[in-house]
Every structure is written in C-alpha cells, then in structure tokens.
C-alpha cells in the first residue's frame, strides 16, 4: 500500500505541473486576445480598417482557455460542481465511493471526447483542412489546444482518484 501511495503522490505532482502549464497557457491566450482586441479597436478608430480575423481568433482563444484551464480549476476545487447529493450522504465510505464513481464517470466521458478530438485532428491534418475565413487557419491547431486541455483534465481527475484510493480526503473536505 505504501508503494501505491508513493505512486499516487508522484502522479499527482505530474498532474499538478501539467495543470499549471495549462493554466499559464490559458493566461497567455487571454493576454493575446486582449491585445488583439486593443489592436482591432485602434485599427478601426484611427485607420478605418480591421484585421478581419478578430472573431475567429477570439473564438479559438476562448475555447483554448476554457479547456486548458480545466485541470487547474479541478485541482484547486474551483471548478463548478454540483454536489448536493454528495453532501447529503452521511457515511464517509459511501461519500468517497460516490465521489470516485462520479469522477471516474466524468473521466471516461472526457476520454471519449478526447478520442473524438484526436480522430478529428488527425483527419484535419491529413486533409489539410483550413477555416473558411481570410486567415485560413489549419483546423487541427485550435482542436489540438482543446485536446491538450482535455488530456490535462483527464490526468488531473485520474490523479484525484488515485489520491482518494490511497487514503486522501475528498475535495469537499479539504
């Protein structure tokens, strides 16, 4: 059991570092979108022109930020979770079992979605698909950012389950 606890701790450290990297990337995307909006405002006000790609790039940025930050928000217990059933359960063992079941279910669903994105990215990459805008962004790029965020989230959820199985407290009890 000691070896499992050491493994769970080590895996949690890896998951934490990946989550932090995703959060930092999300902040960089936010800064980039803010700068792009400022440039767009200046171009429109002073030069009566535009980059013509603001809405597309902000859309990609919002998607990237949302998914890249999932692992970090989950790790720090700030992800919005509906846990009214969990709070009603009195038994610590039942509560932990229910929490593990919910997290594993979410982990499986997110893994399925990640697999879908992987297939979509591969297809876009092979076909050379691009957006139908002036920027002609290769579609595998924004989808890859979403996939990276989903993978980080899945790893973070797996680390949480491993911590629970090794005897750690529930997030709601910390």
N, C-alpha and C. Protein backbone atom coordinates (compact mmCIF):
# COMPACT_ATOMS: atom_id res chain seq x y z
N UNK A 1 0.83 -1.20 0.00
CA UNK A 1 0.00 0.00 0.00
C UNK A 1 0.87 1.25 0.00
N UNK A 2 2.03 1.17 0.65
CA UNK A 2 2.95 2.30 0.69
C UNK A 2 3.43 2.67 -0.71
N UNK A 3 3.72 1.66 -1.54
CA UNK A 3 4.17 1.92 -2.90
C UNK A 3 3.08 2.62 -3.71
N UNK A 4 1.83 2.19 -3.51
CA UNK A 4 0.72 2.82 -4.21
C UNK A 4 0.58 4.28 -3.81
N UNK A 5 0.74 4.56 -2.54
CA UNK A 5 0.65 5.93 -2.02
C UNK A 5 1.76 6.80 -2.62
N UNK A 6 2.96 6.25 -2.73
CA UNK A 6 4.09 6.99 -3.33
C UNK A 6 3.80 7.25 -4.80
N UNK A 7 3.28 6.23 -5.51
CA UNK A 7 2.93 6.39 -6.92
C UNK A 7 1.86 7.46 -7.09
N UNK A 8 0.82 7.41 -6.24
CA UNK A 8 -0.28 8.38 -6.31
C UNK A 8 0.24 9.80 -6.08
N UNK A 9 1.16 9.95 -5.14
CA UNK A 9 1.74 11.27 -4.85
C UNK A 9 2.56 11.76 -6.04
N UNK A 10 3.39 10.89 -6.59
CA UNK A 10 4.20 11.27 -7.74
C UNK A 10 3.36 11.62 -8.95
N UNK A 11 2.31 10.83 -9.19
CA UNK A 11 1.42 11.10 -10.31
C UNK A 11 0.69 12.42 -10.10
N UNK A 12 0.33 12.71 -8.85
CA UNK A 12 -0.35 13.98 -8.54
C UNK A 12 0.57 15.17 -8.80
N UNK A 13 1.86 15.01 -8.50
CA UNK A 13 2.81 16.09 -8.78
C UNK A 13 2.89 16.34 -10.28
N UNK A 14 2.97 15.26 -11.07
CA UNK A 14 2.99 15.40 -12.53
C UNK A 14 1.72 16.08 -13.02
N UNK A 15 0.57 15.63 -12.51
CA UNK A 15 -0.71 16.23 -12.91
C UNK A 15 -0.77 17.70 -12.53
N UNK A 16 -0.25 18.04 -11.36
CA UNK A 16 -0.25 19.42 -10.91
C UNK A 16 0.60 20.30 -11.81
N UNK A 17 1.74 19.81 -12.21
CA UNK A 17 2.61 20.58 -13.11
C UNK A 17 1.98 20.76 -14.49
N UNK A 18 1.36 19.71 -14.99
CA UNK A 18 0.66 19.82 -16.27
C UNK A 18 -0.49 20.82 -16.17
N UNK A 19 -1.22 20.77 -15.07
CA UNK A 19 -2.34 21.69 -14.86
C UNK A 19 -1.86 23.13 -14.78
N UNK A 20 -0.74 23.34 -14.11
CA UNK A 20 -0.18 24.68 -14.02
C UNK A 20 0.25 25.17 -15.41
N UNK A 21 0.86 24.29 -16.20
CA UNK A 21 1.26 24.67 -17.56
C UNK A 21 0.03 25.03 -18.39
N UNK A 22 -1.05 24.26 -18.25
CA UNK A 22 -2.28 24.58 -18.97
C UNK A 22 -2.86 25.92 -18.53
N UNK A 23 -2.83 26.19 -17.23
CA UNK A 23 -3.34 27.47 -16.72
C UNK A 23 -2.50 28.64 -17.23
N UNK A 24 -1.19 28.46 -17.26
CA UNK A 24 -0.32 29.51 -17.78
C UNK A 24 -0.61 29.76 -19.25
N UNK A 25 -0.79 28.68 -20.02
CA UNK A 25 -1.13 28.83 -21.44
C UNK A 25 -2.47 29.56 -21.59
N UNK A 26 -3.43 29.25 -20.73
CA UNK A 26 -4.73 29.93 -20.78
C UNK A 26 -4.58 31.43 -20.52
N UNK A 27 -3.72 31.79 -19.58
CA UNK A 27 -3.47 33.21 -19.29
C UNK A 27 -2.81 33.88 -20.49
N UNK A 28 -1.90 33.18 -21.13
CA UNK A 28 -1.24 33.74 -22.32
C UNK A 28 -2.26 33.96 -23.44
N UNK A 29 -3.17 33.01 -23.61
CA UNK A 29 -4.23 33.20 -24.61
C UNK A 29 -5.11 34.39 -24.26
N UNK A 30 -5.42 34.56 -22.99
CA UNK A 30 -6.23 35.71 -22.56
C UNK A 30 -5.51 37.02 -22.87
N UNK A 31 -4.23 37.08 -22.56
CA UNK A 31 -3.45 38.29 -22.85
C UNK A 31 -3.40 38.54 -24.36
N UNK A 32 -3.20 37.48 -25.12
CA UNK A 32 -3.16 37.62 -26.58
C UNK A 32 -4.47 38.12 -27.15
N UNK A 33 -5.57 37.60 -26.63
CA UNK A 33 -6.88 38.06 -27.11
C UNK A 33 -7.11 39.52 -26.73
N UNK A 34 -6.70 39.89 -25.53
CA UNK A 34 -6.85 41.28 -25.10
C UNK A 34 -6.06 42.21 -26.00
N UNK A 35 -4.82 41.84 -26.28
CA UNK A 35 -4.00 42.66 -27.17
C UNK A 35 -4.61 42.73 -28.57
N UNK A 36 -5.12 41.62 -29.05
CA UNK A 36 -5.73 41.61 -30.38
C UNK A 36 -6.95 42.54 -30.42
N UNK A 37 -7.74 42.52 -29.37
CA UNK A 37 -8.91 43.41 -29.30
C UNK A 37 -8.48 44.87 -29.28
N UNK A 38 -7.44 45.18 -28.53
CA UNK A 38 -6.93 46.56 -28.48
C UNK A 38 -6.44 47.00 -29.86
N UNK A 39 -5.68 46.13 -30.52
CA UNK A 39 -5.20 46.44 -31.87
C UNK A 39 -6.37 46.66 -32.81
N UNK A 40 -7.37 45.81 -32.70
CA UNK A 40 -8.56 45.94 -33.55
C UNK A 40 -9.27 47.27 -33.31
N UNK A 41 -9.39 47.67 -32.07
CA UNK A 41 -10.03 48.95 -31.75
C UNK A 41 -9.23 50.10 -32.36
N UNK A 42 -7.92 50.05 -32.17
CA UNK A 42 -7.07 51.12 -32.72
C UNK A 42 -7.13 51.17 -34.25
N UNK A 43 -7.09 50.01 -34.88
CA UNK A 43 -7.18 49.96 -36.34
C UNK A 43 -8.50 50.53 -36.85
N UNK A 44 -9.58 50.17 -36.18
CA UNK A 44 -10.89 50.64 -36.62
C UNK A 44 -11.06 52.14 -36.36
N UNK A 45 -10.59 52.60 -35.22
CA UNK A 45 -10.80 54.00 -34.86
C UNK A 45 -9.90 54.94 -35.68
N UNK A 46 -8.62 54.62 -35.76
CA UNK A 46 -7.68 55.54 -36.40
C UNK A 46 -7.48 55.30 -37.89
N UNK A 47 -7.67 54.08 -38.36
CA UNK A 47 -7.34 53.77 -39.75
C UNK A 47 -8.51 53.22 -40.55
N UNK A 48 -9.67 53.13 -39.95
CA UNK A 48 -10.88 52.63 -40.61
C UNK A 48 -10.64 51.29 -41.33
N UNK A 49 -9.89 50.43 -40.68
CA UNK A 49 -9.63 49.10 -41.24
C UNK A 49 -9.72 48.07 -40.11
N UNK A 50 -9.42 46.85 -40.41
CA UNK A 50 -9.57 45.77 -39.43
C UNK A 50 -8.57 44.65 -39.73
N UNK A 51 -8.40 43.78 -38.75
CA UNK A 51 -7.59 42.58 -39.00
C UNK A 51 -8.44 41.52 -39.71
N UNK A 52 -9.74 41.66 -39.64
CA UNK A 52 -10.72 40.77 -40.28
C UNK A 52 -10.73 39.36 -39.71
N UNK A 53 -10.00 39.13 -38.63
CA UNK A 53 -9.96 37.78 -38.05
C UNK A 53 -10.24 37.78 -36.55
N UNK A 54 -10.64 38.92 -36.00
CA UNK A 54 -10.82 39.02 -34.56
C UNK A 54 -11.81 37.98 -34.02
N UNK A 55 -12.98 37.91 -34.61
CA UNK A 55 -13.99 36.99 -34.08
C UNK A 55 -13.52 35.54 -34.15
N UNK A 56 -12.85 35.18 -35.21
CA UNK A 56 -12.34 33.80 -35.34
C UNK A 56 -11.29 33.51 -34.28
N UNK A 57 -10.31 34.39 -34.14
CA UNK A 57 -9.21 34.14 -33.20
C UNK A 57 -9.68 34.20 -31.75
N UNK A 58 -10.61 35.09 -31.44
CA UNK A 58 -11.14 35.15 -30.08
C UNK A 58 -11.94 33.88 -29.79
N UNK A 59 -12.67 33.38 -30.76
CA UNK A 59 -13.39 32.12 -30.58
C UNK A 59 -12.44 30.97 -30.28
N UNK A 60 -11.36 30.88 -31.05
CA UNK A 60 -10.35 29.85 -30.79
C UNK A 60 -9.72 30.05 -29.41
N UNK A 61 -9.46 31.30 -29.07
CA UNK A 61 -8.83 31.61 -27.79
C UNK A 61 -9.71 31.25 -26.60
N UNK A 62 -10.99 31.54 -26.70
CA UNK A 62 -11.91 31.20 -25.61
C UNK A 62 -11.99 29.69 -25.44
N UNK A 63 -12.07 28.97 -26.54
CA UNK A 63 -12.11 27.50 -26.45
C UNK A 63 -10.81 26.98 -25.83
N UNK A 64 -9.68 27.48 -26.29
CA UNK A 64 -8.39 27.04 -25.75
C UNK A 64 -8.29 27.36 -24.26
N UNK A 65 -8.64 28.58 -23.87
CA UNK A 65 -8.58 28.97 -22.46
C UNK A 65 -9.45 28.07 -21.60
N UNK A 66 -10.66 27.83 -22.06
CA UNK A 66 -11.61 27.04 -21.28
C UNK A 66 -11.06 25.64 -21.01
N UNK A 67 -10.58 24.99 -22.04
CA UNK A 67 -10.13 23.61 -21.87
C UNK A 67 -8.75 23.52 -21.22
N UNK A 68 -7.86 24.44 -21.53
CA UNK A 68 -6.52 24.40 -20.93
C UNK A 68 -6.56 24.64 -19.42
N UNK A 69 -7.55 25.39 -18.95
CA UNK A 69 -7.64 25.71 -17.52
C UNK A 69 -8.44 24.67 -16.72
N UNK A 70 -9.06 23.70 -17.38
CA UNK A 70 -9.90 22.72 -16.67
C UNK A 70 -9.15 21.97 -15.58
N UNK A 71 -7.97 21.46 -15.89
CA UNK A 71 -7.21 20.69 -14.90
C UNK A 71 -6.86 21.51 -13.68
N UNK A 72 -6.45 22.75 -13.90
CA UNK A 72 -6.08 23.63 -12.79
C UNK A 72 -7.29 23.94 -11.91
N UNK A 73 -8.41 24.25 -12.55
CA UNK A 73 -9.61 24.58 -11.77
C UNK A 73 -10.10 23.36 -10.99
N UNK A 74 -9.98 22.18 -11.58
CA UNK A 74 -10.38 20.96 -10.87
C UNK A 74 -9.46 20.71 -9.68
N UNK A 75 -8.17 20.84 -9.91
CA UNK A 75 -7.20 20.59 -8.83
C UNK A 75 -7.40 21.52 -7.65
N UNK A 76 -7.73 22.77 -7.92
CA UNK A 76 -7.88 23.76 -6.85
C UNK A 76 -9.33 23.89 -6.37
N UNK A 77 -10.17 22.95 -6.78
CA UNK A 77 -11.55 22.88 -6.31
C UNK A 77 -12.34 24.16 -6.58
N UNK A 78 -12.10 24.77 -7.75
CA UNK A 78 -12.86 25.95 -8.13
C UNK A 78 -13.69 25.70 -9.39
N UNK A 79 -13.64 24.48 -9.88
CA UNK A 79 -14.49 24.09 -10.99
C UNK A 79 -15.91 23.96 -10.45
N UNK A 80 -16.85 24.51 -11.15
CA UNK A 80 -18.23 24.44 -10.68
C UNK A 80 -18.68 22.99 -10.71
N UNK A 81 -19.07 22.50 -9.55
CA UNK A 81 -19.51 21.11 -9.42
C UNK A 81 -20.85 21.08 -8.70
N UNK A 82 -21.71 20.20 -9.13
CA UNK A 82 -23.00 20.01 -8.47
C UNK A 82 -22.84 18.83 -7.53
N UNK A 83 -22.77 19.11 -6.23
CA UNK A 83 -22.52 18.04 -5.28
C UNK A 83 -23.57 17.97 -4.17
N UNK A 84 -24.79 18.38 -4.48
CA UNK A 84 -25.82 18.37 -3.45
C UNK A 84 -26.12 16.95 -2.95
N UNK A 85 -25.98 15.95 -3.80
CA UNK A 85 -26.21 14.56 -3.37
C UNK A 85 -25.07 14.12 -2.46
N UNK A 86 -23.85 14.45 -2.86
CA UNK A 86 -22.68 14.07 -2.07
C UNK A 86 -22.74 14.64 -0.66
N UNK A 87 -23.25 15.85 -0.53
CA UNK A 87 -23.33 16.49 0.78
C UNK A 87 -24.39 15.84 1.69
N UNK A 88 -25.36 15.16 1.10
CA UNK A 88 -26.43 14.53 1.88
C UNK A 88 -26.01 13.16 2.42
N UNK A 89 -24.97 12.57 1.83
CA UNK A 89 -24.53 11.24 2.25
C UNK A 89 -23.74 11.37 3.55
N UNK A 90 -24.13 10.62 4.56
CA UNK A 90 -23.52 10.72 5.89
C UNK A 90 -22.27 9.85 6.04
N UNK A 91 -22.28 8.67 5.47
CA UNK A 91 -21.18 7.72 5.62
C UNK A 91 -19.96 8.19 4.81
N UNK A 92 -18.81 8.23 5.46
CA UNK A 92 -17.58 8.66 4.80
C UNK A 92 -17.21 7.71 3.66
N UNK A 93 -17.38 6.42 3.88
CA UNK A 93 -17.05 5.43 2.85
C UNK A 93 -17.99 5.56 1.65
N UNK A 94 -19.27 5.74 1.92
CA UNK A 94 -20.25 5.91 0.84
C UNK A 94 -19.98 7.20 0.07
N UNK A 95 -19.63 8.26 0.78
CA UNK A 95 -19.33 9.54 0.14
C UNK A 95 -18.10 9.40 -0.77
N UNK A 96 -17.07 8.72 -0.27
CA UNK A 96 -15.85 8.53 -1.06
C UNK A 96 -16.14 7.65 -2.28
N UNK A 97 -16.95 6.60 -2.09
CA UNK A 97 -17.32 5.71 -3.20
C UNK A 97 -18.11 6.47 -4.25
N UNK A 98 -19.05 7.30 -3.81
CA UNK A 98 -19.84 8.11 -4.74
C UNK A 98 -18.96 9.10 -5.48
N UNK A 99 -18.05 9.74 -4.77
CA UNK A 99 -17.13 10.71 -5.39
C UNK A 99 -16.26 10.02 -6.45
N UNK A 100 -15.70 8.87 -6.11
CA UNK A 100 -14.87 8.14 -7.07
C UNK A 100 -15.70 7.74 -8.28
N UNK A 101 -16.91 7.28 -8.06
CA UNK A 101 -17.79 6.89 -9.17
C UNK A 101 -18.08 8.07 -10.10
N UNK A 102 -18.38 9.21 -9.52
CA UNK A 102 -18.67 10.40 -10.33
C UNK A 102 -17.44 10.85 -11.12
N UNK A 103 -16.29 10.86 -10.46
CA UNK A 103 -15.06 11.31 -11.13
C UNK A 103 -14.67 10.32 -12.22
N UNK A 104 -14.78 9.03 -11.95
CA UNK A 104 -14.45 8.02 -12.98
C UNK A 104 -15.40 8.13 -14.16
N UNK A 105 -16.68 8.35 -13.90
CA UNK A 105 -17.64 8.54 -14.99
C UNK A 105 -17.26 9.74 -15.84
N UNK A 106 -16.93 10.85 -15.20
CA UNK A 106 -16.51 12.05 -15.92
C UNK A 106 -15.22 11.79 -16.69
N UNK A 107 -14.31 11.08 -16.07
CA UNK A 107 -13.03 10.73 -16.70
C UNK A 107 -13.27 9.92 -17.97
N UNK A 108 -14.16 8.94 -17.90
CA UNK A 108 -14.46 8.10 -19.07
C UNK A 108 -15.10 8.94 -20.17
N UNK A 109 -16.06 9.79 -19.81
CA UNK A 109 -16.71 10.64 -20.80
C UNK A 109 -15.72 11.60 -21.46
N UNK A 110 -14.86 12.21 -20.66
CA UNK A 110 -13.86 13.13 -21.22
C UNK A 110 -12.85 12.39 -22.08
N UNK A 111 -12.53 11.16 -21.72
CA UNK A 111 -11.62 10.35 -22.54
C UNK A 111 -12.26 10.05 -23.89
N UNK A 112 -13.56 9.77 -23.88
CA UNK A 112 -14.28 9.53 -25.13
C UNK A 112 -14.26 10.78 -26.00
N UNK A 113 -14.51 11.93 -25.39
CA UNK A 113 -14.49 13.19 -26.14
C UNK A 113 -13.08 13.46 -26.67
N UNK A 114 -12.06 13.19 -25.85
CA UNK A 114 -10.67 13.38 -26.29
C UNK A 114 -10.36 12.48 -27.48
N UNK A 115 -10.84 11.25 -27.43
CA UNK A 115 -10.63 10.33 -28.56
C UNK A 115 -11.28 10.88 -29.83
N UNK A 116 -12.48 11.44 -29.69
CA UNK A 116 -13.15 12.06 -30.84
C UNK A 116 -12.31 13.20 -31.40
N UNK A 117 -11.80 14.06 -30.51
CA UNK A 117 -10.97 15.17 -30.97
C UNK A 117 -9.70 14.67 -31.64
N UNK A 118 -9.10 13.61 -31.10
CA UNK A 118 -7.89 13.05 -31.72
C UNK A 118 -8.18 12.60 -33.15
N UNK A 119 -9.30 11.93 -33.33
CA UNK A 119 -9.67 11.48 -34.68
C UNK A 119 -9.95 12.67 -35.58
N UNK A 120 -10.61 13.68 -35.08
CA UNK A 120 -10.89 14.88 -35.87
C UNK A 120 -9.61 15.62 -36.24
N UNK A 121 -8.70 15.74 -35.30
CA UNK A 121 -7.42 16.41 -35.56
C UNK A 121 -6.65 15.66 -36.63
N UNK A 122 -6.60 14.35 -36.50
CA UNK A 122 -5.89 13.53 -37.49
C UNK A 122 -6.49 13.71 -38.88
N UNK A 123 -7.80 13.72 -38.95
CA UNK A 123 -8.49 13.90 -40.23
C UNK A 123 -8.19 15.28 -40.81
N UNK A 124 -8.28 16.32 -39.99
CA UNK A 124 -7.99 17.68 -40.47
C UNK A 124 -6.54 17.79 -40.93
N UNK A 125 -5.63 17.17 -40.20
CA UNK A 125 -4.21 17.25 -40.54
C UNK A 125 -3.94 16.53 -41.87
N UNK A 126 -4.50 15.34 -42.03
CA UNK A 126 -4.30 14.57 -43.26
C UNK A 126 -4.89 15.28 -44.48
N UNK A 127 -6.04 15.89 -44.30
CA UNK A 127 -6.73 16.54 -45.42
C UNK A 127 -6.27 17.97 -45.65
N UNK A 128 -5.54 18.53 -44.69
CA UNK A 128 -5.12 19.92 -44.82
C UNK A 128 -6.27 20.89 -44.69
N UNK A 129 -7.27 20.54 -43.89
CA UNK A 129 -8.46 21.39 -43.73
C UNK A 129 -8.10 22.71 -43.07
N UNK A 130 -8.66 23.79 -43.59
CA UNK A 130 -8.45 25.11 -43.02
C UNK A 130 -9.80 25.78 -42.80
N UNK A 131 -9.79 26.83 -41.98
CA UNK A 131 -11.03 27.58 -41.75
C UNK A 131 -11.40 28.30 -43.04
N UNK A 132 -12.69 28.59 -43.16
CA UNK A 132 -13.18 29.24 -44.38
C UNK A 132 -13.18 30.75 -44.23
N UNK A 133 -12.15 31.28 -43.61
CA UNK A 133 -12.04 32.72 -43.42
C UNK A 133 -10.77 33.20 -44.10
N UNK A 134 -10.53 34.48 -44.01
CA UNK A 134 -9.35 35.07 -44.62
C UNK A 134 -8.05 34.53 -44.02
N UNK A 135 -8.10 34.11 -42.77
CA UNK A 135 -6.90 33.61 -42.09
C UNK A 135 -6.54 32.19 -42.53
N UNK A 136 -7.50 31.43 -42.96
CA UNK A 136 -7.31 30.03 -43.37
C UNK A 136 -6.45 29.26 -42.35
N UNK A 137 -6.90 29.30 -41.11
CA UNK A 137 -6.20 28.61 -40.02
C UNK A 137 -6.36 27.10 -40.20
N UNK A 138 -5.25 26.34 -40.17
CA UNK A 138 -5.40 24.88 -40.20
C UNK A 138 -6.23 24.44 -38.99
N UNK A 139 -7.31 23.72 -39.24
CA UNK A 139 -8.26 23.40 -38.18
C UNK A 139 -7.70 22.46 -37.12
N UNK A 140 -6.62 21.77 -37.41
CA UNK A 140 -6.04 20.88 -36.40
C UNK A 140 -5.40 21.68 -35.26
N UNK A 141 -5.05 22.93 -35.50
CA UNK A 141 -4.38 23.73 -34.46
C UNK A 141 -5.32 24.06 -33.30
N UNK A 142 -6.46 24.71 -33.55
CA UNK A 142 -7.35 25.01 -32.40
C UNK A 142 -7.90 23.74 -31.75
N UNK A 143 -8.16 22.71 -32.54
CA UNK A 143 -8.66 21.47 -31.96
C UNK A 143 -7.59 20.79 -31.11
N UNK A 144 -6.34 20.96 -31.48
CA UNK A 144 -5.24 20.38 -30.68
C UNK A 144 -5.17 21.02 -29.31
N UNK A 145 -5.42 22.32 -29.24
CA UNK A 145 -5.41 23.00 -27.94
C UNK A 145 -6.52 22.47 -27.04
N UNK A 146 -7.67 22.21 -27.62
CA UNK A 146 -8.77 21.63 -26.85
C UNK A 146 -8.39 20.23 -26.37
N UNK A 147 -7.79 19.44 -27.26
CA UNK A 147 -7.37 18.08 -26.89
C UNK A 147 -6.34 18.11 -25.77
N UNK A 148 -5.39 19.00 -25.85
CA UNK A 148 -4.37 19.12 -24.79
C UNK A 148 -5.04 19.42 -23.45
N UNK A 149 -5.99 20.36 -23.46
CA UNK A 149 -6.72 20.69 -22.24
C UNK A 149 -7.50 19.50 -21.70
N UNK A 150 -8.15 18.74 -22.58
CA UNK A 150 -8.89 17.57 -22.14
C UNK A 150 -7.97 16.51 -21.55
N UNK A 151 -6.81 16.31 -22.17
CA UNK A 151 -5.86 15.32 -21.66
C UNK A 151 -5.36 15.74 -20.27
N UNK A 152 -5.05 17.01 -20.10
CA UNK A 152 -4.62 17.50 -18.79
C UNK A 152 -5.72 17.28 -17.76
N UNK A 153 -6.96 17.57 -18.12
CA UNK A 153 -8.10 17.38 -17.23
C UNK A 153 -8.26 15.91 -16.84
N UNK A 154 -8.15 15.01 -17.82
CA UNK A 154 -8.27 13.57 -17.55
C UNK A 154 -7.15 13.12 -16.61
N UNK A 155 -5.93 13.59 -16.86
CA UNK A 155 -4.81 13.24 -15.99
C UNK A 155 -5.05 13.75 -14.57
N UNK A 156 -5.57 14.97 -14.45
CA UNK A 156 -5.84 15.53 -13.13
C UNK A 156 -6.93 14.74 -12.40
N UNK A 157 -7.97 14.33 -13.12
CA UNK A 157 -9.02 13.52 -12.50
C UNK A 157 -8.48 12.15 -12.07
N UNK A 158 -7.64 11.56 -12.91
CA UNK A 158 -7.03 10.27 -12.57
C UNK A 158 -6.15 10.41 -11.32
N UNK A 159 -5.41 11.50 -11.24
CA UNK A 159 -4.57 11.75 -10.05
C UNK A 159 -5.45 11.88 -8.80
N UNK A 160 -6.59 12.55 -8.93
CA UNK A 160 -7.50 12.69 -7.79
C UNK A 160 -8.04 11.34 -7.34
N UNK A 161 -8.43 10.51 -8.30
CA UNK A 161 -8.93 9.17 -7.96
C UNK A 161 -7.83 8.37 -7.27
N UNK A 162 -6.62 8.45 -7.77
CA UNK A 162 -5.50 7.73 -7.14
C UNK A 162 -5.27 8.23 -5.72
N UNK A 163 -5.36 9.55 -5.53
CA UNK A 163 -5.20 10.10 -4.18
C UNK A 163 -6.30 9.60 -3.25
N UNK A 164 -7.53 9.56 -3.75
CA UNK A 164 -8.64 9.07 -2.93
C UNK A 164 -8.44 7.60 -2.57
N UNK A 165 -8.00 6.81 -3.53
CA UNK A 165 -7.78 5.39 -3.27
C UNK A 165 -6.61 5.15 -2.31
N UNK A 166 -5.68 6.11 -2.26
CA UNK A 166 -4.55 5.96 -1.33
C UNK A 166 -4.85 6.55 0.04
N UNK A 167 -6.08 7.07 0.24
CA UNK A 167 -6.49 7.50 1.57
C UNK A 167 -6.64 8.99 1.77
N UNK A 168 -6.48 9.79 0.74
CA UNK A 168 -6.63 11.24 0.89
C UNK A 168 -8.10 11.61 1.12
N UNK A 169 -8.30 12.83 1.59
CA UNK A 169 -9.66 13.33 1.83
C UNK A 169 -10.30 13.78 0.52
N UNK A 170 -11.62 13.85 0.52
CA UNK A 170 -12.36 14.39 -0.61
C UNK A 170 -12.06 15.88 -0.76
N UNK A 171 -12.21 16.39 -1.97
CA UNK A 171 -12.01 17.82 -2.20
C UNK A 171 -12.93 18.67 -1.32
N UNK A 172 -14.15 18.20 -1.16
CA UNK A 172 -15.12 18.97 -0.37
C UNK A 172 -14.77 19.00 1.11
N UNK A 173 -13.88 18.12 1.55
CA UNK A 173 -13.48 18.06 2.96
C UNK A 173 -12.16 18.78 3.24
N UNK A 174 -11.52 19.24 2.20
CA UNK A 174 -10.21 19.88 2.38
C UNK A 174 -10.32 21.35 2.67
